[in-house]
Structures are given as structure tokens and as C-alpha cells.
Amino acid sequence: MSDTVLRTIDLTKRYANRVAVDHLNIEVRQGDVFGFLGPNGAGKSTTIRMILHLVFPTEGDVEIFGASLTRVRHRALQKVGAVVEKPAFYSHLSALRNLEILGGLQRPVTRRRIMEHLERVGLADRAGDPVRTYSHGMNQRLGLALILLNDPQLVILDEPTTGLDPQGMKEIRELILELSRERGVTVFLSSHLLYEVELIATRMAVIHQGRLRAAGSVRELLKKGPSSVLLKTDRPEEALRFLKTIETCRFAAIHSDGIHVELDLEKIPELNRQMIGAGFDVNALVPRRTLETYFLNLIEGREA
């Protein structure tokens, strides 16, 4: 049996003369926390809306648990839960009453089960308050509680930590990891917070101008290509001038914590030898390959 949960097949969306998504092919596997990344206007939200059948594709198809979205939409989406932008609730009703009404649309749900899920997202103490008194971040958490009531096997989250404080971000991050590791739920996560994605994602795809630019294991992708290295040495100004004369170094600049150098990770030993050979004391060479570095290099055309 295939472990593919979500697959897009040449998924395309055109608006008049503009191509928002261009023959996109991505694959999400069972148990993944899948990061879906791209700059503003890359086509992320359009892709998510096509996956959820909120926008009709111009070409292509989506398969969810092997079911074609264009042929059997209801069966394809019945195991999916999603929070897209700001969830809509009855603002004059309490969170508890909202979940009783909305959560019971598919099947009856007990008050005890509702309170358990409100506890999971940190809203149990505000269960009786009208939703109009909730902040944007609290609305996001309430949306998560709602979709989890029906035990989805695939959860799609579009910017789930928007409006949350650091503690709220940490709680949502822990909830996503719990869903994936302990419950076997597959999570498809779109976010601008690259640090958050780097902490929890197992695989990812990056799109730019509607096209797929990279996809695969987060760990493997971050091993490849140019990296940022923190170099600490004596005489930093002289060291910077030297770095600009050698081919090992792609780019270098002095920052408050040392010299930031761009180079391929496998060339770090060579850089160390060159610095020592030129008479510099090397106090530290610390790789700083982050998802942000990879993402910006990719978008700016400096990453293969």
C-alpha cells in the first residue's frame, strides 16, 4: 500500500494572462510534517485552495489518500481538516457553543470531548467567553480545536502561528509534533516563519513564481549548496580583505559576532588551512546553514 497521502499532478491555475501555479508536482507522505514554502505571491495560498477544492484548477489534479479530487471530491476530503487564514465563527457565541454547533455538523460531539480539545489548544479557561473577545491568535487556536474534533488524518495549516506570541507559537509547534509523532497525523504546513518550519518539518517543498524550485527531506536539502559560516579571527578587517581574494569564499561581510562567510560546507577545512597559511589565528569556524539561508539563496538564484 502506498504511503502517499497527498499528491498534486501538474496542478495549474491561470488567471487571465497570469499563471499563479504552474504544473506543480509535490508528494506528501504518511506521517510527514511537510513545510510548504515560498515568498509572497509564489502561489502557496492558491495551491492550498485548489487542494481543498475552494478554487478550481485550470489543469491537473490532486489525489488525497489515492482518491482523485476532480472525480470523487467528497471521498477525497473526508479525512482532511484545514485552517486557512482566519477561521470564521459565530462571534456572539462562546467558543464552547461554536464547537458544539460546528463540530456537530458531521457527527455528534460531546461537551467533554470539546473541552478536551480546547484544553489542548490552551483555550479551556476562555471556553465560555464570546468569540468576539478573542484575539486573532486565539481564533487560530480555536480553528485548530474545531478541525481536530473529527480526527482528521491529514491536517492542512496555512500560517497557523500568525498573531501568536512566542508561548503560543511553542504550544502550536508542540501540538503539531504530537499529532505527527504520537497520532500518525500528516501535517501540511504553510508558513513564513522559516525558523518554526525548520524545527518541526521532516520534508518540504519550495515554490517561486508558481513553480516548484526544490523538494525533499529538510535535512538532506540543508546539507547541499552554499552555507553561511561564522568565522572568528584576529584582525577581522585584514581577514575580510583576504577572504575576498580566494575562490573558496563566495561572499563575506563583518557583523557584530564575527565574519559571515558563504561557502560550500565541504570547503570549511580548506578555508581553515588558507586562513592559517595566511597568518591569521582562527578562533572559530561555526557552520550556520539554516533554512532561512537555504530559502533566500534558492529564491535569489544562488542555490542549485
C-alpha atoms as a PDB file:
ATOM      1  CA  MET A   1       0.000   0.000   0.000  1.00  0.00           C
ATOM      2  CA  SER A   2       1.347   3.442  -0.947  1.00  0.00           C
ATOM      3  CA  ASP A   3       2.353   5.770   1.874  1.00  0.00           C
ATOM      4  CA  THR A   4       1.486   8.825  -0.252  1.00  0.00           C
ATOM      5  CA  VAL A   5      -1.182  10.923   1.461  1.00  0.00           C
ATOM      6  CA  LEU A   6      -1.311  13.954  -0.845  1.00  0.00           C
ATOM      7  CA  ARG A   7      -0.121  14.314  -4.419  1.00  0.00           C
ATOM      8  CA  THR A   8      -0.525  17.141  -6.901  1.00  0.00           C
ATOM      9  CA  ILE A   9      -0.302  16.189 -10.574  1.00  0.00           C
ATOM     10  CA  ASP A  10       0.680  19.016 -12.942  1.00  0.00           C
ATOM     11  CA  LEU A  11      -1.528  21.297 -10.844  1.00  0.00           C
ATOM     12  CA  THR A  12      -2.007  24.595 -12.673  1.00  0.00           C
ATOM     13  CA  LYS A  13      -4.051  27.742 -12.134  1.00  0.00           C
ATOM     14  CA  ARG A  14      -4.241  30.623 -14.585  1.00  0.00           C
ATOM     15  CA  TYR A  15      -5.979  33.957 -14.084  1.00  0.00           C
ATOM     16  CA  ALA A  16      -6.338  35.663 -17.487  1.00  0.00           C
ATOM     17  CA  ASN A  17      -2.706  36.125 -18.611  1.00  0.00           C
ATOM     18  CA  ARG A  18      -1.155  35.358 -15.206  1.00  0.00           C
ATOM     19  CA  VAL A  19      -0.066  31.874 -14.181  1.00  0.00           C
ATOM     20  CA  ALA A  20      -0.429  31.597 -10.389  1.00  0.00           C
ATOM     21  CA  VAL A  21       0.567  27.908 -10.171  1.00  0.00           C
ATOM     22  CA  ASP A  22       2.469  26.253 -12.998  1.00  0.00           C
ATOM     23  CA  HIS A  23       2.338  22.429 -13.374  1.00  0.00           C
ATOM     24  CA  LEU A  24       3.106  21.781  -9.722  1.00  0.00           C
ATOM     25  CA  ASN A  25       4.036  18.236  -8.675  1.00  0.00           C
ATOM     26  CA  ILE A  26       4.538  17.579  -4.973  1.00  0.00           C
ATOM     27  CA  GLU A  27       4.134  14.478  -2.834  1.00  0.00           C
ATOM     28  CA  VAL A  28       3.353  14.330   0.887  1.00  0.00           C
ATOM     29  CA  ARG A  29       3.890  11.024   2.695  1.00  0.00           C
ATOM     30  CA  GLN A  30       2.220   9.417   5.679  1.00  0.00           C
ATOM     31  CA  GLY A  31       3.425  10.985   8.952  1.00  0.00           C
ATOM     32  CA  ASP A  32       5.188  13.925   7.307  1.00  0.00           C
ATOM     33  CA  VAL A  33       5.273  17.380   8.764  1.00  0.00           C
ATOM     34  CA  PHE A  34       5.546  18.900   5.310  1.00  0.00           C
ATOM     35  CA  GLY A  35       6.678  22.522   5.030  1.00  0.00           C
ATOM     36  CA  PHE A  36       5.239  24.348   2.022  1.00  0.00           C
ATOM     37  CA  LEU A  37       7.358  27.455   1.492  1.00  0.00           C
ATOM     38  CA  GLY A  38       7.611  30.379  -0.870  1.00  0.00           C
ATOM     39  CA  PRO A  39       7.726  34.193  -0.887  1.00  0.00           C
ATOM     40  CA  ASN A  40       4.573  36.293  -1.056  1.00  0.00           C
ATOM     41  CA  GLY A  41       2.830  35.759  -4.387  1.00  0.00           C
ATOM     42  CA  ALA A  42       4.555  32.432  -5.024  1.00  0.00           C
ATOM     43  CA  GLY A  43       1.265  30.543  -5.326  1.00  0.00           C
ATOM     44  CA  LYS A  44       1.098  28.871  -1.899  1.00  0.00           C
ATOM     45  CA  SER A  45      -2.403  30.011  -0.942  1.00  0.00           C
ATOM     46  CA  THR A  46      -3.746  29.273  -4.425  1.00  0.00           C
ATOM     47  CA  THR A  47      -2.301  25.763  -4.212  1.00  0.00           C
ATOM     48  CA  ILE A  48      -3.867  25.161  -0.799  1.00  0.00           C
ATOM     49  CA  ARG A  49      -7.242  26.378  -2.059  1.00  0.00           C
ATOM     50  CA  MET A  50      -7.042  24.004  -5.030  1.00  0.00           C
ATOM     51  CA  ILE A  51      -6.146  21.124  -2.696  1.00  0.00           C
ATOM     52  CA  LEU A  52      -9.247  21.927  -0.622  1.00  0.00           C
ATOM     53  CA  HIS A  53     -11.410  22.405  -3.740  1.00  0.00           C
ATOM     54  CA  LEU A  54     -12.087  26.035  -2.855  1.00  0.00           C
ATOM     55  CA  VAL A  55     -10.528  27.070  -6.182  1.00  0.00           C
ATOM     56  CA  PHE A  56     -10.840  25.001  -9.357  1.00  0.00           C
ATOM     57  CA  PRO A  57      -7.580  24.199 -11.180  1.00  0.00           C
ATOM     58  CA  THR A  58      -7.125  25.156 -14.809  1.00  0.00           C
ATOM     59  CA  GLU A  59      -5.229  21.919 -15.390  1.00  0.00           C
ATOM     60  CA  GLY A  60      -4.070  18.959 -13.387  1.00  0.00           C
ATOM     61  CA  ASP A  61      -5.446  17.085 -10.410  1.00  0.00           C
ATOM     62  CA  VAL A  62      -5.000  16.418  -6.699  1.00  0.00           C
ATOM     63  CA  GLU A  63      -5.013  12.972  -5.115  1.00  0.00           C
ATOM     64  CA  ILE A  64      -5.709  12.605  -1.384  1.00  0.00           C
ATOM     65  CA  PHE A  65      -5.293   9.102   0.047  1.00  0.00           C
ATOM     66  CA  GLY A  66      -5.371   7.888  -3.556  1.00  0.00           C
ATOM     67  CA  ALA A  67      -8.736   9.500  -4.352  1.00  0.00           C
ATOM     68  CA  SER A  68      -8.930  11.998  -7.222  1.00  0.00           C
ATOM     69  CA  LEU A  69     -10.282  15.395  -6.170  1.00  0.00           C
ATOM     70  CA  THR A  70     -11.802  16.049  -9.584  1.00  0.00           C
ATOM     71  CA  ARG A  71     -13.671  12.722  -9.652  1.00  0.00           C
ATOM     72  CA  VAL A  72     -14.608  11.934  -6.033  1.00  0.00           C
ATOM     73  CA  ARG A  73     -14.270  15.207  -4.124  1.00  0.00           C
ATOM     74  CA  HIS A  74     -16.258  14.173  -1.051  1.00  0.00           C
ATOM     75  CA  ARG A  75     -14.361  10.918  -0.522  1.00  0.00           C
ATOM     76  CA  ALA A  76     -11.015  12.643  -1.086  1.00  0.00           C
ATOM     77  CA  LEU A  77     -11.665  15.349   1.519  1.00  0.00           C
ATOM     78  CA  GLN A  78     -13.473  13.391   4.214  1.00  0.00           C
ATOM     79  CA  LYS A  79     -10.241  12.659   6.142  1.00  0.00           C
ATOM     80  CA  VAL A  80      -8.903  16.233   5.835  1.00  0.00           C
ATOM     81  CA  GLY A  81      -9.006  19.069   8.358  1.00  0.00           C
ATOM     82  CA  ALA A  82      -7.831  22.571   7.427  1.00  0.00           C
ATOM     83  CA  VAL A  83      -7.355  26.043   8.868  1.00  0.00           C
ATOM     84  CA  VAL A  84      -6.975  28.621   6.103  1.00  0.00           C
ATOM     85  CA  GLU A  85      -6.434  32.277   7.057  1.00  0.00           C
ATOM     86  CA  LYS A  86      -8.777  33.418   9.860  1.00  0.00           C
ATOM     87  CA  PRO A  87     -11.358  30.785  10.812  1.00  0.00           C
ATOM     88  CA  ALA A  88     -14.981  32.002  10.779  1.00  0.00           C
ATOM     89  CA  PHE A  89     -17.100  31.590  13.914  1.00  0.00           C
ATOM     90  CA  TYR A  90     -20.320  32.993  15.348  1.00  0.00           C
ATOM     91  CA  SER A  91     -18.800  35.975  17.129  1.00  0.00           C
ATOM     92  CA  HIS A  92     -21.637  36.447  19.650  1.00  0.00           C
ATOM     93  CA  LEU A  93     -21.455  32.819  20.835  1.00  0.00           C
ATOM     94  CA  SER A  94     -18.908  31.258  23.158  1.00  0.00           C
ATOM     95  CA  ALA A  95     -16.101  29.017  21.938  1.00  0.00           C
ATOM     96  CA  LEU A  96     -17.840  26.060  23.563  1.00  0.00           C
ATOM     97  CA  ARG A  97     -21.135  26.753  21.802  1.00  0.00           C
ATOM     98  CA  ASN A  98     -19.376  27.315  18.461  1.00  0.00           C
ATOM     99  CA  LEU A  99     -17.710  23.929  18.667  1.00  0.00           C
ATOM    100  CA  GLU A 100     -20.976  22.272  19.698  1.00  0.00           C
ATOM    101  CA  ILE A 101     -22.677  23.667  16.575  1.00  0.00           C
ATOM    102  CA  LEU A 102     -19.859  23.472  14.008  1.00  0.00           C
ATOM    103  CA  GLY A 103     -18.198  20.371  15.370  1.00  0.00           C
ATOM    104  CA  GLY A 104     -21.501  18.521  15.336  1.00  0.00           C
ATOM    105  CA  LEU A 105     -22.185  19.081  11.643  1.00  0.00           C
ATOM    106  CA  GLN A 106     -20.521  15.801  10.653  1.00  0.00           C
ATOM    107  CA  ARG A 107     -21.314  13.725  13.750  1.00  0.00           C
ATOM    108  CA  PRO A 108     -22.483  14.312  17.344  1.00  0.00           C
ATOM    109  CA  VAL A 109     -19.754  15.559  19.670  1.00  0.00           C
ATOM    110  CA  THR A 110     -19.862  15.589  23.459  1.00  0.00           C
ATOM    111  CA  ARG A 111     -19.135  18.615  25.631  1.00  0.00           C
ATOM    112  CA  ARG A 112     -16.409  16.612  27.370  1.00  0.00           C
ATOM    113  CA  ARG A 113     -14.642  15.991  24.056  1.00  0.00           C
ATOM    114  CA  ILE A 114     -14.925  19.688  23.155  1.00  0.00           C
ATOM    115  CA  MET A 115     -13.362  20.724  26.462  1.00  0.00           C
ATOM    116  CA  GLU A 116     -10.516  18.234  25.944  1.00  0.00           C
ATOM    117  CA  HIS A 117      -9.668  19.863  22.617  1.00  0.00           C
ATOM    118  CA  LEU A 118      -9.989  23.378  23.995  1.00  0.00           C
ATOM    119  CA  GLU A 119      -7.543  22.314  26.692  1.00  0.00           C
ATOM    120  CA  ARG A 120      -5.144  21.002  24.033  1.00  0.00           C
ATOM    121  CA  VAL A 121      -5.022  24.382  22.294  1.00  0.00           C
ATOM    122  CA  GLY A 122      -4.873  26.407  25.514  1.00  0.00           C
ATOM    123  CA  LEU A 123      -8.404  27.845  25.474  1.00  0.00           C
ATOM    124  CA  ALA A 124     -10.162  25.874  28.212  1.00  0.00           C
ATOM    125  CA  ASP A 125     -10.231  28.852  30.575  1.00  0.00           C
ATOM    126  CA  ARG A 126     -11.891  31.010  27.892  1.00  0.00           C
ATOM    127  CA  ALA A 127     -14.410  28.403  26.737  1.00  0.00           C
ATOM    128  CA  GLY A 128     -17.408  30.414  27.950  1.00  0.00           C
ATOM    129  CA  ASP A 129     -16.320  33.782  26.509  1.00  0.00           C
ATOM    130  CA  PRO A 130     -17.856  35.182  23.304  1.00  0.00           C
ATOM    131  CA  VAL A 131     -15.554  34.653  20.322  1.00  0.00           C
ATOM    132  CA  ARG A 132     -15.745  38.396  19.542  1.00  0.00           C
ATOM    133  CA  THR A 133     -13.489  38.925  22.571  1.00  0.00           C
ATOM    134  CA  TYR A 134     -10.814  36.627  21.113  1.00  0.00           C
ATOM    135  CA  SER A 135      -7.584  37.869  19.569  1.00  0.00           C
ATOM    136  CA  HIS A 136      -6.525  36.718  16.105  1.00  0.00           C
ATOM    137  CA  GLY A 137      -4.165  34.188  17.650  1.00  0.00           C
ATOM    138  CA  MET A 138      -6.931  32.776  19.834  1.00  0.00           C
ATOM    139  CA  ASN A 139      -9.137  32.422  16.756  1.00  0.00           C
ATOM    140  CA  GLN A 140      -6.339  30.412  15.126  1.00  0.00           C
ATOM    141  CA  ARG A 141      -6.208  28.081  18.114  1.00  0.00           C
ATOM    142  CA  LEU A 142      -9.974  27.714  18.154  1.00  0.00           C
ATOM    143  CA  GLY A 143      -9.842  26.773  14.474  1.00  0.00           C
ATOM    144  CA  LEU A 144      -7.351  24.033  15.309  1.00  0.00           C
ATOM    145  CA  ALA A 145      -9.605  22.714  18.075  1.00  0.00           C
ATOM    146  CA  LEU A 146     -12.516  22.587  15.622  1.00  0.00           C
ATOM    147  CA  ILE A 147     -10.758  20.557  12.934  1.00  0.00           C
ATOM    148  CA  LEU A 148      -9.262  18.130  15.443  1.00  0.00           C
ATOM    149  CA  LEU A 149     -12.707  17.214  16.771  1.00  0.00           C
ATOM    150  CA  ASN A 150     -13.263  14.965  13.742  1.00  0.00           C
ATOM    151  CA  ASP A 151      -9.899  13.147  13.970  1.00  0.00           C
ATOM    152  CA  PRO A 152      -8.513  14.092  10.534  1.00  0.00           C
ATOM    153  CA  GLN A 153      -5.687  12.004   9.080  1.00  0.00           C
ATOM    154  CA  LEU A 154      -4.367  14.966   7.063  1.00  0.00           C
ATOM    155  CA  VAL A 155      -4.226  18.449   8.578  1.00  0.00           C
ATOM    156  CA  ILE A 156      -3.574  21.465   6.339  1.00  0.00           C
ATOM    157  CA  LEU A 157      -2.478  24.639   8.108  1.00  0.00           C
ATOM    158  CA  ASP A 158      -1.982  27.981   6.376  1.00  0.00           C
ATOM    159  CA  GLU A 159       0.101  30.297   8.589  1.00  0.00           C
ATOM    160  CA  PRO A 160      -1.081  28.661  11.866  1.00  0.00           C
ATOM    161  CA  THR A 161       1.075  30.806  14.185  1.00  0.00           C
ATOM    162  CA  THR A 162       0.042  34.192  12.768  1.00  0.00           C
ATOM    163  CA  GLY A 163      -0.815  36.556  15.615  1.00  0.00           C
ATOM    164  CA  LEU A 164       0.534  34.278  18.346  1.00  0.00           C
ATOM    165  CA  ASP A 165       3.041  35.297  20.992  1.00  0.00           C
ATOM    166  CA  PRO A 166       6.194  33.171  21.475  1.00  0.00           C
ATOM    167  CA  GLN A 167       4.492  30.959  24.064  1.00  0.00           C
ATOM    168  CA  GLY A 168       1.527  30.424  21.740  1.00  0.00           C
ATOM    169  CA  MET A 169       3.884  29.533  18.869  1.00  0.00           C
ATOM    170  CA  LYS A 170       5.628  26.989  21.078  1.00  0.00           C
ATOM    171  CA  GLU A 171       2.291  25.412  22.059  1.00  0.00           C
ATOM    172  CA  ILE A 172       1.155  25.096  18.428  1.00  0.00           C
ATOM    173  CA  ARG A 173       4.548  23.670  17.465  1.00  0.00           C
ATOM    174  CA  GLU A 174       4.279  21.057  20.212  1.00  0.00           C
ATOM    175  CA  LEU A 175       0.721  20.234  19.143  1.00  0.00           C
ATOM    176  CA  ILE A 176       1.846  19.678  15.529  1.00  0.00           C
ATOM    177  CA  LEU A 177       4.656  17.387  16.694  1.00  0.00           C
ATOM    178  CA  GLU A 178       2.215  15.470  18.924  1.00  0.00           C
ATOM    179  CA  LEU A 179      -0.178  14.985  16.016  1.00  0.00           C
ATOM    180  CA  SER A 180       2.614  13.684  13.794  1.00  0.00           C
ATOM    181  CA  ARG A 181       4.686  11.558  16.168  1.00  0.00           C
ATOM    182  CA  GLU A 182       2.089  10.200  18.576  1.00  0.00           C
ATOM    183  CA  ARG A 183      -1.063  10.076  16.469  1.00  0.00           C
ATOM    184  CA  GLY A 184       0.357   9.468  12.988  1.00  0.00           C
ATOM    185  CA  VAL A 185      -1.395  12.513  11.527  1.00  0.00           C
ATOM    186  CA  THR A 186       0.155  14.002   8.391  1.00  0.00           C
ATOM    187  CA  VAL A 187       0.563  17.785   8.575  1.00  0.00           C
ATOM    188  CA  PHE A 188       0.859  20.071   5.535  1.00  0.00           C
ATOM    189  CA  LEU A 189       2.164  23.391   6.833  1.00  0.00           C
ATOM    190  CA  SER A 190       2.488  26.705   5.014  1.00  0.00           C
ATOM    191  CA  SER A 191       4.357  29.387   6.948  1.00  0.00           C
ATOM    192  CA  HIS A 192       6.549  32.455   6.556  1.00  0.00           C
ATOM    193  CA  LEU A 193       8.312  31.659   9.841  1.00  0.00           C
ATOM    194  CA  LEU A 194      11.196  29.620   8.485  1.00  0.00           C
ATOM    195  CA  TYR A 195      12.694  29.010  11.915  1.00  0.00           C
ATOM    196  CA  GLU A 196       9.450  27.386  13.064  1.00  0.00           C
ATOM    197  CA  VAL A 197       9.325  25.180   9.962  1.00  0.00           C
ATOM    198  CA  GLU A 198      12.972  24.176  10.391  1.00  0.00           C
ATOM    199  CA  LEU A 199      12.251  22.993  13.942  1.00  0.00           C
ATOM    200  CA  ILE A 200       9.389  20.647  13.063  1.00  0.00           C
ATOM    201  CA  ALA A 201       9.298  19.837   9.325  1.00  0.00           C
ATOM    202  CA  THR A 202      10.566  16.479   8.072  1.00  0.00           C
ATOM    203  CA  ARG A 203      10.152  17.223   4.359  1.00  0.00           C
ATOM    204  CA  MET A 204       9.407  20.367   2.390  1.00  0.00           C
ATOM    205  CA  ALA A 205       8.802  21.986  -0.977  1.00  0.00           C
ATOM    206  CA  VAL A 206       9.708  25.498  -2.072  1.00  0.00           C
ATOM    207  CA  ILE A 207       7.789  27.245  -4.831  1.00  0.00           C
ATOM    208  CA  HIS A 208       8.568  30.544  -6.513  1.00  0.00           C
ATOM    209  CA  GLN A 209       6.530  32.264  -9.215  1.00  0.00           C
ATOM    210  CA  GLY A 210       4.180  29.294  -9.226  1.00  0.00           C
ATOM    211  CA  ARG A 211       6.867  26.714  -9.987  1.00  0.00           C
ATOM    212  CA  LEU A 212       8.457  24.063  -7.813  1.00  0.00           C
ATOM    213  CA  ARG A 213      12.066  25.030  -7.034  1.00  0.00           C
ATOM    214  CA  ALA A 214      13.061  22.324  -4.542  1.00  0.00           C
ATOM    215  CA  ALA A 215      11.531  19.382  -2.687  1.00  0.00           C
ATOM    216  CA  GLY A 216      12.747  16.654  -0.385  1.00  0.00           C
ATOM    217  CA  SER A 217      13.992  15.920   3.112  1.00  0.00           C
ATOM    218  CA  VAL A 218      14.731  19.091   5.078  1.00  0.00           C
ATOM    219  CA  ARG A 219      17.906  17.555   6.484  1.00  0.00           C
ATOM    220  CA  GLU A 220      19.226  16.458   3.087  1.00  0.00           C
ATOM    221  CA  LEU A 221      18.406  19.743   1.345  1.00  0.00           C
ATOM    222  CA  LEU A 222      20.203  21.750   4.025  1.00  0.00           C
ATOM    223  CA  LYS A 223      23.342  19.661   3.554  1.00  0.00           C
ATOM    224  CA  LYS A 224      23.730  20.792  -0.042  1.00  0.00           C
ATOM    225  CA  GLY A 225      24.933  24.010  -1.614  1.00  0.00           C
ATOM    226  CA  PRO A 226      26.384  27.208  -0.152  1.00  0.00           C
ATOM    227  CA  SER A 227      26.254  27.731   3.592  1.00  0.00           C
ATOM    228  CA  SER A 228      26.828  30.600   5.950  1.00  0.00           C
ATOM    229  CA  VAL A 229      29.771  30.134   8.321  1.00  0.00           C
ATOM    230  CA  LEU A 230      30.638  32.325  11.298  1.00  0.00           C
ATOM    231  CA  LEU A 231      34.389  32.991  11.266  1.00  0.00           C
ATOM    232  CA  LYS A 232      36.073  34.453  14.334  1.00  0.00           C
ATOM    233  CA  THR A 233      39.671  35.549  13.863  1.00  0.00           C
ATOM    234  CA  ASP A 234      42.156  38.202  14.849  1.00  0.00           C
ATOM    235  CA  ARG A 235      42.459  41.266  12.588  1.00  0.00           C
ATOM    236  CA  PRO A 236      38.951  40.924  11.067  1.00  0.00           C
ATOM    237  CA  GLU A 237      39.376  43.834   8.645  1.00  0.00           C
ATOM    238  CA  GLU A 238      42.533  42.302   7.171  1.00  0.00           C
ATOM    239  CA  ALA A 239      40.880  38.883   7.162  1.00  0.00           C
ATOM    240  CA  LEU A 240      37.928  40.256   5.194  1.00  0.00           C
ATOM    241  CA  ARG A 241      40.234  41.650   2.517  1.00  0.00           C
ATOM    242  CA  PHE A 242      41.982  38.279   2.292  1.00  0.00           C
ATOM    243  CA  LEU A 243      38.678  36.366   2.043  1.00  0.00           C
ATOM    244  CA  LYS A 244      37.678  38.435  -0.959  1.00  0.00           C
ATOM    245  CA  THR A 245      40.768  37.261  -2.850  1.00  0.00           C
ATOM    246  CA  ILE A 246      40.231  33.487  -2.549  1.00  0.00           C
ATOM    247  CA  GLU A 247      37.875  31.297  -4.597  1.00  0.00           C
ATOM    248  CA  THR A 248      36.845  29.206  -1.579  1.00  0.00           C
ATOM    249  CA  CYS A 249      34.738  32.099  -0.307  1.00  0.00           C
ATOM    250  CA  ARG A 250      31.621  33.190  -2.232  1.00  0.00           C
ATOM    251  CA  PHE A 251      30.821  36.186  -0.059  1.00  0.00           C
ATOM    252  CA  ALA A 252      31.996  37.675   3.246  1.00  0.00           C
ATOM    253  CA  ALA A 253      30.892  40.520   5.499  1.00  0.00           C
ATOM    254  CA  ILE A 254      31.753  41.676   9.017  1.00  0.00           C
ATOM    255  CA  HIS A 255      28.980  41.518  11.618  1.00  0.00           C
ATOM    256  CA  SER A 256      28.928  42.170  15.346  1.00  0.00           C
ATOM    257  CA  ASP A 257      29.549  38.489  16.165  1.00  0.00           C
ATOM    258  CA  GLY A 258      32.305  37.919  13.602  1.00  0.00           C
ATOM    259  CA  ILE A 259      32.715  37.491   9.849  1.00  0.00           C
ATOM    260  CA  HIS A 260      29.865  35.807   7.990  1.00  0.00           C
ATOM    261  CA  VAL A 261      31.248  33.775   5.110  1.00  0.00           C
ATOM    262  CA  GLU A 262      29.311  31.991   2.365  1.00  0.00           C
ATOM    263  CA  LEU A 263      30.888  28.801   1.026  1.00  0.00           C
ATOM    264  CA  ASP A 264      30.123  25.128   0.442  1.00  0.00           C
ATOM    265  CA  LEU A 265      30.180  23.182   3.715  1.00  0.00           C
ATOM    266  CA  GLU A 266      32.755  20.686   2.428  1.00  0.00           C
ATOM    267  CA  LYS A 267      35.205  23.575   1.870  1.00  0.00           C
ATOM    268  CA  ILE A 268      35.362  24.589   5.545  1.00  0.00           C
ATOM    269  CA  PRO A 269      38.598  22.619   6.203  1.00  0.00           C
ATOM    270  CA  GLU A 270      40.190  24.223   3.121  1.00  0.00           C
ATOM    271  CA  LEU A 271      39.185  27.697   4.341  1.00  0.00           C
ATOM    272  CA  ASN A 272      40.710  26.941   7.730  1.00  0.00           C
ATOM    273  CA  ARG A 273      44.009  25.902   6.119  1.00  0.00           C
ATOM    274  CA  GLN A 274      44.058  29.016   3.930  1.00  0.00           C
ATOM    275  CA  MET A 275      43.424  31.341   6.856  1.00  0.00           C
ATOM    276  CA  ILE A 276      46.171  29.755   8.964  1.00  0.00           C
ATOM    277  CA  GLY A 277      48.532  29.707   5.984  1.00  0.00           C
ATOM    278  CA  ALA A 278      47.979  33.450   5.543  1.00  0.00           C
ATOM    279  CA  GLY A 279      48.990  34.043   9.157  1.00  0.00           C
ATOM    280  CA  PHE A 280      45.575  34.512  10.796  1.00  0.00           C
ATOM    281  CA  ASP A 281      44.567  32.969  14.105  1.00  0.00           C
ATOM    282  CA  VAL A 282      41.252  31.145  13.575  1.00  0.00           C
ATOM    283  CA  ASN A 283      39.325  31.123  16.863  1.00  0.00           C
ATOM    284  CA  ALA A 284      36.100  29.626  15.485  1.00  0.00           C
ATOM    285  CA  LEU A 285      34.511  28.354  12.281  1.00  0.00           C
ATOM    286  CA  VAL A 286      30.846  27.677  13.009  1.00  0.00           C
ATOM    287  CA  PRO A 287      28.509  26.413  10.227  1.00  0.00           C
ATOM    288  CA  ARG A 288      25.290  28.409  10.193  1.00  0.00           C
ATOM    289  CA  ARG A 289      23.376  26.582   7.474  1.00  0.00           C
ATOM    290  CA  THR A 290      19.757  27.394   8.239  1.00  0.00           C
ATOM    291  CA  LEU A 291      16.513  27.013   6.368  1.00  0.00           C
ATOM    292  CA  GLU A 292      16.446  30.779   6.008  1.00  0.00           C
ATOM    293  CA  THR A 293      19.880  30.743   4.331  1.00  0.00           C
ATOM    294  CA  TYR A 294      18.818  27.942   2.007  1.00  0.00           C
ATOM    295  CA  PHE A 295      15.484  29.578   1.189  1.00  0.00           C
ATOM    296  CA  LEU A 296      16.957  33.001   0.385  1.00  0.00           C
ATOM    297  CA  ASN A 297      19.762  31.507  -1.704  1.00  0.00           C
ATOM    298  CA  LEU A 298      17.221  29.457  -3.644  1.00  0.00           C
ATOM    299  CA  ILE A 299      14.877  32.361  -4.307  1.00  0.00           C
ATOM    300  CA  GLU A 300      17.763  34.651  -5.267  1.00  0.00           C
ATOM    301  CA  GLY A 301      19.189  32.067  -7.676  1.00  0.00           C
ATOM    302  CA  ARG A 302      22.320  31.213  -5.680  1.00  0.00           C
ATOM    303  CA  GLU A 303      21.196  27.667  -4.866  1.00  0.00           C
ATOM    304  CA  ALA A 304      21.141  24.772  -7.313  1.00  0.00           C
END
